[in-house]
Amino acid sequence: LFSRLDEAEVKRVDLNEGIESTVRLLSGYY
């Protein structure tokens, strides 16, 4: 979800979902 390597083109995305996935990757901080 973070890298979105399967989405090389422009797409409509839920920003809340992207922020949430980023937070999960930063568990060392949060």
ModelCIF file with pLDDT and N, C-alpha, C, O atoms, coordinates in Angstrom:
data_MODEL
#
_entry.id   MODEL 
#
_entity.id                         1 
_entity.type                       polymer 
_entity.pdbx_number_of_molecules   1 
#
_entity_poly.entity_id                      1 
_entity_poly.type                           'polypeptide(L)' 
_entity_poly.nstd_linkage                   no 
_entity_poly.nstd_monomer                   no 
_entity_poly.pdbx_seq_one_letter_code       LFSRLDEAEVKRVDLNEGIESTVRLLSGYY 
_entity_poly.pdbx_seq_one_letter_code_can   LFSRLDEAEVKRVDLNEGIESTVRLLSGYY 
_entity_poly.pdbx_strand_id                 A 
#
loop_
_entity_poly_seq.entity_id 
_entity_poly_seq.num 
_entity_poly_seq.mon_id 
_entity_poly_seq.hetero 
1 1  LEU n 
1 2  PHE n 
1 3  SER n 
1 4  ARG n 
1 5  LEU n 
1 6  ASP n 
1 7  GLU n 
1 8  ALA n 
1 9  GLU n 
1 10 VAL n 
1 11 LYS n 
1 12 ARG n 
1 13 VAL n 
1 14 ASP n 
1 15 LEU n 
1 16 ASN n 
1 17 GLU n 
1 18 GLY n 
1 19 ILE n 
1 20 GLU n 
1 21 SER n 
1 22 THR n 
1 23 VAL n 
1 24 ARG n 
1 25 LEU n 
1 26 LEU n 
1 27 SER n 
1 28 GLY n 
1 29 TYR n 
1 30 TYR n 
#
_struct_asym.id          A 
_struct_asym.entity_id   1 
#
loop_
_ma_qa_metric.id 
_ma_qa_metric.mode 
_ma_qa_metric.name 
_ma_qa_metric.software_group_id 
_ma_qa_metric.type 
1 global pLDDT . pLDDT 
2 local  pLDDT . pLDDT 
#
_ma_qa_metric_global.metric_id      1 
_ma_qa_metric_global.metric_value   75.03 
_ma_qa_metric_global.model_id       1 
_ma_qa_metric_global.ordinal_id     1 
#
loop_
_ma_qa_metric_local.label_asym_id 
_ma_qa_metric_local.label_comp_id 
_ma_qa_metric_local.label_seq_id 
_ma_qa_metric_local.metric_id 
_ma_qa_metric_local.metric_value 
_ma_qa_metric_local.model_id 
_ma_qa_metric_local.ordinal_id 
A LEU 1  2 56.00 1 1  
A PHE 2  2 55.00 1 2  
A SER 3  2 53.00 1 3  
A ARG 4  2 51.00 1 4  
A LEU 5  2 45.00 1 5  
A ASP 6  2 46.00 1 6  
A GLU 7  2 48.00 1 7  
A ALA 8  2 51.00 1 8  
A GLU 9  2 64.00 1 9  
A VAL 10 2 77.00 1 10 
A LYS 11 2 82.00 1 11 
A ARG 12 2 88.00 1 12 
A VAL 13 2 88.00 1 13 
A ASP 14 2 91.00 1 14 
A LEU 15 2 92.00 1 15 
A ASN 16 2 92.00 1 16 
A GLU 17 2 90.00 1 17 
A GLY 18 2 88.00 1 18 
A ILE 19 2 91.00 1 19 
A GLU 20 2 89.00 1 20 
A SER 21 2 84.00 1 21 
A THR 22 2 85.00 1 22 
A VAL 23 2 86.00 1 23 
A ARG 24 2 83.00 1 24 
A LEU 25 2 80.00 1 25 
A LEU 26 2 83.00 1 26 
A SER 27 2 77.00 1 27 
A GLY 28 2 76.00 1 28 
A TYR 29 2 81.00 1 29 
A TYR 30 2 79.00 1 30 
#
loop_
_atom_site.group_PDB 
_atom_site.id 
_atom_site.type_symbol 
_atom_site.label_atom_id 
_atom_site.label_alt_id 
_atom_site.label_comp_id 
_atom_site.label_asym_id 
_atom_site.label_entity_id 
_atom_site.label_seq_id 
_atom_site.pdbx_PDB_ins_code 
_atom_site.Cartn_x 
_atom_site.Cartn_y 
_atom_site.Cartn_z 
_atom_site.occupancy 
_atom_site.B_iso_or_equiv 
_atom_site.pdbx_formal_charge 
_atom_site.auth_seq_id 
_atom_site.auth_comp_id 
_atom_site.auth_asym_id 
_atom_site.auth_atom_id 
_atom_site.pdbx_PDB_model_num 
ATOM 1   N N  . LEU A 1 1  ? 0.825  -1.201 0.000   1.00 56.00 ? 1  LEU A N  1 
ATOM 2   C CA . LEU A 1 1  ? 0.000  0.000  0.000   1.00 56.00 ? 1  LEU A CA 1 
ATOM 3   C C  . LEU A 1 1  ? 0.862  1.256  0.000   1.00 56.00 ? 1  LEU A C  1 
ATOM 4   O O  . LEU A 1 1  ? 0.540  2.239  -0.667  1.00 56.00 ? 1  LEU A O  1 
ATOM 5   N N  . PHE A 1 2  ? 1.975  1.217  0.762   1.00 55.00 ? 2  PHE A N  1 
ATOM 6   C CA . PHE A 1 2  ? 2.854  2.383  0.843   1.00 55.00 ? 2  PHE A CA 1 
ATOM 7   C C  . PHE A 1 2  ? 3.582  2.628  -0.473  1.00 55.00 ? 2  PHE A C  1 
ATOM 8   O O  . PHE A 1 2  ? 3.619  3.757  -0.963  1.00 55.00 ? 2  PHE A O  1 
ATOM 9   N N  . SER A 1 3  ? 4.156  1.587  -1.040  1.00 53.00 ? 3  SER A N  1 
ATOM 10  C CA . SER A 1 3  ? 4.944  1.765  -2.267  1.00 53.00 ? 3  SER A CA 1 
ATOM 11  C C  . SER A 1 3  ? 4.054  1.919  -3.494  1.00 53.00 ? 3  SER A C  1 
ATOM 12  O O  . SER A 1 3  ? 4.429  2.607  -4.443  1.00 53.00 ? 3  SER A O  1 
ATOM 13  N N  . ARG A 1 4  ? 2.867  1.281  -3.490  1.00 51.00 ? 4  ARG A N  1 
ATOM 14  C CA . ARG A 1 4  ? 1.936  1.360  -4.618  1.00 51.00 ? 4  ARG A CA 1 
ATOM 15  C C  . ARG A 1 4  ? 2.629  1.006  -5.933  1.00 51.00 ? 4  ARG A C  1 
ATOM 16  O O  . ARG A 1 4  ? 2.375  1.633  -6.961  1.00 51.00 ? 4  ARG A O  1 
ATOM 17  N N  . LEU A 1 5  ? 3.486  0.022  -5.897  1.00 45.00 ? 5  LEU A N  1 
ATOM 18  C CA . LEU A 1 5  ? 4.240  -0.324 -7.106  1.00 45.00 ? 5  LEU A CA 1 
ATOM 19  C C  . LEU A 1 5  ? 3.338  -0.856 -8.204  1.00 45.00 ? 5  LEU A C  1 
ATOM 20  O O  . LEU A 1 5  ? 3.698  -0.829 -9.381  1.00 45.00 ? 5  LEU A O  1 
ATOM 21  N N  . ASP A 1 6  ? 2.176  -1.337 -7.823  1.00 46.00 ? 6  ASP A N  1 
ATOM 22  C CA . ASP A 1 6  ? 1.247  -1.841 -8.828  1.00 46.00 ? 6  ASP A CA 1 
ATOM 23  C C  . ASP A 1 6  ? 0.377  -0.703 -9.375  1.00 46.00 ? 6  ASP A C  1 
ATOM 24  O O  . ASP A 1 6  ? -0.561 -0.954 -10.132 1.00 46.00 ? 6  ASP A O  1 
ATOM 25  N N  . GLU A 1 7  ? 0.683  0.549  -8.997  1.00 48.00 ? 7  GLU A N  1 
ATOM 26  C CA . GLU A 1 7  ? -0.107 1.693  -9.450  1.00 48.00 ? 7  GLU A CA 1 
ATOM 27  C C  . GLU A 1 7  ? 0.821  2.748  -10.029 1.00 48.00 ? 7  GLU A C  1 
ATOM 28  O O  . GLU A 1 7  ? 1.003  3.800  -9.417  1.00 48.00 ? 7  GLU A O  1 
ATOM 29  N N  . ALA A 1 8  ? 1.407  2.500  -11.181 1.00 51.00 ? 8  ALA A N  1 
ATOM 30  C CA . ALA A 1 8  ? 2.346  3.426  -11.817 1.00 51.00 ? 8  ALA A CA 1 
ATOM 31  C C  . ALA A 1 8  ? 1.622  4.607  -12.442 1.00 51.00 ? 8  ALA A C  1 
ATOM 32  O O  . ALA A 1 8  ? 2.239  5.622  -12.764 1.00 51.00 ? 8  ALA A O  1 
ATOM 33  N N  . GLU A 1 9  ? 0.303  4.471  -12.615 1.00 64.00 ? 9  GLU A N  1 
ATOM 34  C CA . GLU A 1 9  ? -0.438 5.563  -13.220 1.00 64.00 ? 9  GLU A CA 1 
ATOM 35  C C  . GLU A 1 9  ? -1.221 6.317  -12.150 1.00 64.00 ? 9  GLU A C  1 
ATOM 36  O O  . GLU A 1 9  ? -1.311 5.892  -10.999 1.00 64.00 ? 9  GLU A O  1 
ATOM 37  N N  . VAL A 1 10 ? -1.777 7.438  -12.566 1.00 77.00 ? 10 VAL A N  1 
ATOM 38  C CA . VAL A 1 10 ? -2.578 8.242  -11.646 1.00 77.00 ? 10 VAL A CA 1 
ATOM 39  C C  . VAL A 1 10 ? -3.860 7.490  -11.295 1.00 77.00 ? 10 VAL A C  1 
ATOM 40  O O  . VAL A 1 10 ? -4.535 6.946  -12.168 1.00 77.00 ? 10 VAL A O  1 
ATOM 41  N N  . LYS A 1 11 ? -4.181 7.470  -10.001 1.00 82.00 ? 11 LYS A N  1 
ATOM 42  C CA . LYS A 1 11 ? -5.401 6.794  -9.551  1.00 82.00 ? 11 LYS A CA 1 
ATOM 43  C C  . LYS A 1 11 ? -6.071 7.623  -8.463  1.00 82.00 ? 11 LYS A C  1 
ATOM 44  O O  . LYS A 1 11 ? -5.448 8.479  -7.834  1.00 82.00 ? 11 LYS A O  1 
ATOM 45  N N  . ARG A 1 12 ? -7.337 7.351  -8.261  1.00 88.00 ? 12 ARG A N  1 
ATOM 46  C CA . ARG A 1 12 ? -8.057 7.968  -7.145  1.00 88.00 ? 12 ARG A CA 1 
ATOM 47  C C  . ARG A 1 12 ? -7.789 7.140  -5.895  1.00 88.00 ? 12 ARG A C  1 
ATOM 48  O O  . ARG A 1 12 ? -7.956 5.920  -5.889  1.00 88.00 ? 12 ARG A O  1 
ATOM 49  N N  . VAL A 1 13 ? -7.370 7.828  -4.839  1.00 88.00 ? 13 VAL A N  1 
ATOM 50  C CA . VAL A 1 13 ? -6.901 7.149  -3.635  1.00 88.00 ? 13 VAL A CA 1 
ATOM 51  C C  . VAL A 1 13 ? -7.529 7.795  -2.403  1.00 88.00 ? 13 VAL A C  1 
ATOM 52  O O  . VAL A 1 13 ? -7.756 9.004  -2.360  1.00 88.00 ? 13 VAL A O  1 
ATOM 53  N N  . ASP A 1 14 ? -7.803 6.955  -1.401  1.00 91.00 ? 14 ASP A N  1 
ATOM 54  C CA . ASP A 1 14 ? -8.284 7.435  -0.111  1.00 91.00 ? 14 ASP A CA 1 
ATOM 55  C C  . ASP A 1 14 ? -7.075 7.872  0.715   1.00 91.00 ? 14 ASP A C  1 
ATOM 56  O O  . ASP A 1 14 ? -6.267 7.036  1.120   1.00 91.00 ? 14 ASP A O  1 
ATOM 57  N N  . LEU A 1 15 ? -6.946 9.176  0.967   1.00 92.00 ? 15 LEU A N  1 
ATOM 58  C CA . LEU A 1 15 ? -5.786 9.677  1.708   1.00 92.00 ? 15 LEU A CA 1 
ATOM 59  C C  . LEU A 1 15 ? -5.770 9.169  3.140   1.00 92.00 ? 15 LEU A C  1 
ATOM 60  O O  . LEU A 1 15 ? -4.698 8.939  3.700   1.00 92.00 ? 15 LEU A O  1 
ATOM 61  N N  . ASN A 1 16 ? -6.938 8.989  3.742   1.00 92.00 ? 16 ASN A N  1 
ATOM 62  C CA . ASN A 1 16 ? -6.979 8.436  5.099   1.00 92.00 ? 16 ASN A CA 1 
ATOM 63  C C  . ASN A 1 16 ? -6.320 7.071  5.153   1.00 92.00 ? 16 ASN A C  1 
ATOM 64  O O  . ASN A 1 16 ? -5.598 6.753  6.098   1.00 92.00 ? 16 ASN A O  1 
ATOM 65  N N  . GLU A 1 17 ? -6.571 6.273  4.139   1.00 90.00 ? 17 GLU A N  1 
ATOM 66  C CA . GLU A 1 17 ? -5.977 4.933  4.076   1.00 90.00 ? 17 GLU A CA 1 
ATOM 67  C C  . GLU A 1 17 ? -4.463 5.018  3.930   1.00 90.00 ? 17 GLU A C  1 
ATOM 68  O O  . GLU A 1 17 ? -3.727 4.273  4.578   1.00 90.00 ? 17 GLU A O  1 
ATOM 69  N N  . GLY A 1 18 ? -3.999 5.934  3.073   1.00 88.00 ? 18 GLY A N  1 
ATOM 70  C CA . GLY A 1 18 ? -2.562 6.095  2.894   1.00 88.00 ? 18 GLY A CA 1 
ATOM 71  C C  . GLY A 1 18 ? -1.871 6.567  4.158   1.00 88.00 ? 18 GLY A C  1 
ATOM 72  O O  . GLY A 1 18 ? -0.789 6.081  4.488   1.00 88.00 ? 18 GLY A O  1 
ATOM 73  N N  . ILE A 1 19 ? -2.482 7.514  4.876   1.00 91.00 ? 19 ILE A N  1 
ATOM 74  C CA . ILE A 1 19 ? -1.908 7.993  6.129   1.00 91.00 ? 19 ILE A CA 1 
ATOM 75  C C  . ILE A 1 19 ? -1.867 6.872  7.159   1.00 91.00 ? 19 ILE A C  1 
ATOM 76  O O  . ILE A 1 19 ? -0.881 6.709  7.878   1.00 91.00 ? 19 ILE A O  1 
ATOM 77  N N  . GLU A 1 20 ? -2.951 6.102  7.222   1.00 89.00 ? 20 GLU A N  1 
ATOM 78  C CA . GLU A 1 20 ? -3.011 5.007  8.196   1.00 89.00 ? 20 GLU A CA 1 
ATOM 79  C C  . GLU A 1 20 ? -1.936 3.960  7.926   1.00 89.00 ? 20 GLU A C  1 
ATOM 80  O O  . GLU A 1 20 ? -1.291 3.477  8.856   1.00 89.00 ? 20 GLU A O  1 
ATOM 81  N N  . SER A 1 21 ? -1.738 3.604  6.640   1.00 84.00 ? 21 SER A N  1 
ATOM 82  C CA . SER A 1 21 ? -0.705 2.616  6.306   1.00 84.00 ? 21 SER A CA 1 
ATOM 83  C C  . SER A 1 21 ? 0.682  3.156  6.647   1.00 84.00 ? 21 SER A C  1 
ATOM 84  O O  . SER A 1 21 ? 1.550  2.396  7.075   1.00 84.00 ? 21 SER A O  1 
ATOM 85  N N  . THR A 1 22 ? 0.900  4.455  6.464   1.00 85.00 ? 22 THR A N  1 
ATOM 86  C CA . THR A 1 22 ? 2.191  5.056  6.805   1.00 85.00 ? 22 THR A CA 1 
ATOM 87  C C  . THR A 1 22 ? 2.412  5.031  8.311   1.00 85.00 ? 22 THR A C  1 
ATOM 88  O O  . THR A 1 22 ? 3.522  4.759  8.769   1.00 85.00 ? 22 THR A O  1 
ATOM 89  N N  . VAL A 1 23 ? 1.371  5.311  9.082   1.00 86.00 ? 23 VAL A N  1 
ATOM 90  C CA . VAL A 1 23 ? 1.484  5.264  10.540  1.00 86.00 ? 23 VAL A CA 1 
ATOM 91  C C  . VAL A 1 23 ? 1.883  3.860  10.995  1.00 86.00 ? 23 VAL A C  1 
ATOM 92  O O  . VAL A 1 23 ? 2.710  3.711  11.894  1.00 86.00 ? 23 VAL A O  1 
ATOM 93  N N  . ARG A 1 24 ? 1.303  2.836  10.381  1.00 83.00 ? 24 ARG A N  1 
ATOM 94  C CA . ARG A 1 24 ? 1.635  1.466  10.784  1.00 83.00 ? 24 ARG A CA 1 
ATOM 95  C C  . ARG A 1 24 ? 3.095  1.139  10.504  1.00 83.00 ? 24 ARG A C  1 
ATOM 96  O O  . ARG A 1 24 ? 3.712  0.374  11.245  1.00 83.00 ? 24 ARG A O  1 
ATOM 97  N N  . LEU A 1 25 ? 3.650  1.710  9.444   1.00 80.00 ? 25 LEU A N  1 
ATOM 98  C CA . LEU A 1 25 ? 5.068  1.487  9.164   1.00 80.00 ? 25 LEU A CA 1 
ATOM 99  C C  . LEU A 1 25 ? 5.973  2.241  10.136  1.00 80.00 ? 25 LEU A C  1 
ATOM 100 O O  . LEU A 1 25 ? 7.153  1.915  10.268  1.00 80.00 ? 25 LEU A O  1 
ATOM 101 N N  . LEU A 1 26 ? 5.425  3.243  10.811  1.00 83.00 ? 26 LEU A N  1 
ATOM 102 C CA . LEU A 1 26 ? 6.208  4.038  11.758  1.00 83.00 ? 26 LEU A CA 1 
ATOM 103 C C  . LEU A 1 26 ? 5.919  3.629  13.197  1.00 83.00 ? 26 LEU A C  1 
ATOM 104 O O  . LEU A 1 26 ? 5.922  4.462  14.103  1.00 83.00 ? 26 LEU A O  1 
ATOM 105 N N  . SER A 1 27 ? 5.672  2.358  13.392  1.00 77.00 ? 27 SER A N  1 
ATOM 106 C CA . SER A 1 27 ? 5.336  1.885  14.733  1.00 77.00 ? 27 SER A CA 1 
ATOM 107 C C  . SER A 1 27 ? 6.466  2.130  15.722  1.00 77.00 ? 27 SER A C  1 
ATOM 108 O O  . SER A 1 27 ? 6.227  2.248  16.923  1.00 77.00 ? 27 SER A O  1 
ATOM 109 N N  . GLY A 1 28 ? 7.701  2.207  15.221  1.00 76.00 ? 28 GLY A N  1 
ATOM 110 C CA . GLY A 1 28 ? 8.821  2.474  16.113  1.00 76.00 ? 28 GLY A CA 1 
ATOM 111 C C  . GLY A 1 28 ? 8.702  3.826  16.802  1.00 76.00 ? 28 GLY A C  1 
ATOM 112 O O  . GLY A 1 28 ? 9.205  4.009  17.910  1.00 76.00 ? 28 GLY A O  1 
ATOM 113 N N  . TYR A 1 29 ? 8.042  4.766  16.151  1.00 81.00 ? 29 TYR A N  1 
ATOM 114 C CA . TYR A 1 29 ? 7.830  6.085  16.739  1.00 81.00 ? 29 TYR A CA 1 
ATOM 115 C C  . TYR A 1 29 ? 6.538  6.151  17.542  1.00 81.00 ? 29 TYR A C  1 
ATOM 116 O O  . TYR A 1 29 ? 6.499  6.735  18.625  1.00 81.00 ? 29 TYR A O  1 
ATOM 117 N N  . TYR A 1 30 ? 5.468  5.542  16.998  1.00 79.00 ? 30 TYR A N  1 
ATOM 118 C CA . TYR A 1 30 ? 4.137  5.789  17.539  1.00 79.00 ? 30 TYR A CA 1 
ATOM 119 C C  . TYR A 1 30 ? 3.583  4.649  18.388  1.00 79.00 ? 30 TYR A C  1 
ATOM 120 O O  . TYR A 1 30 ? 2.466  4.745  18.898  1.00 79.00 ? 30 TYR A O  1 
#
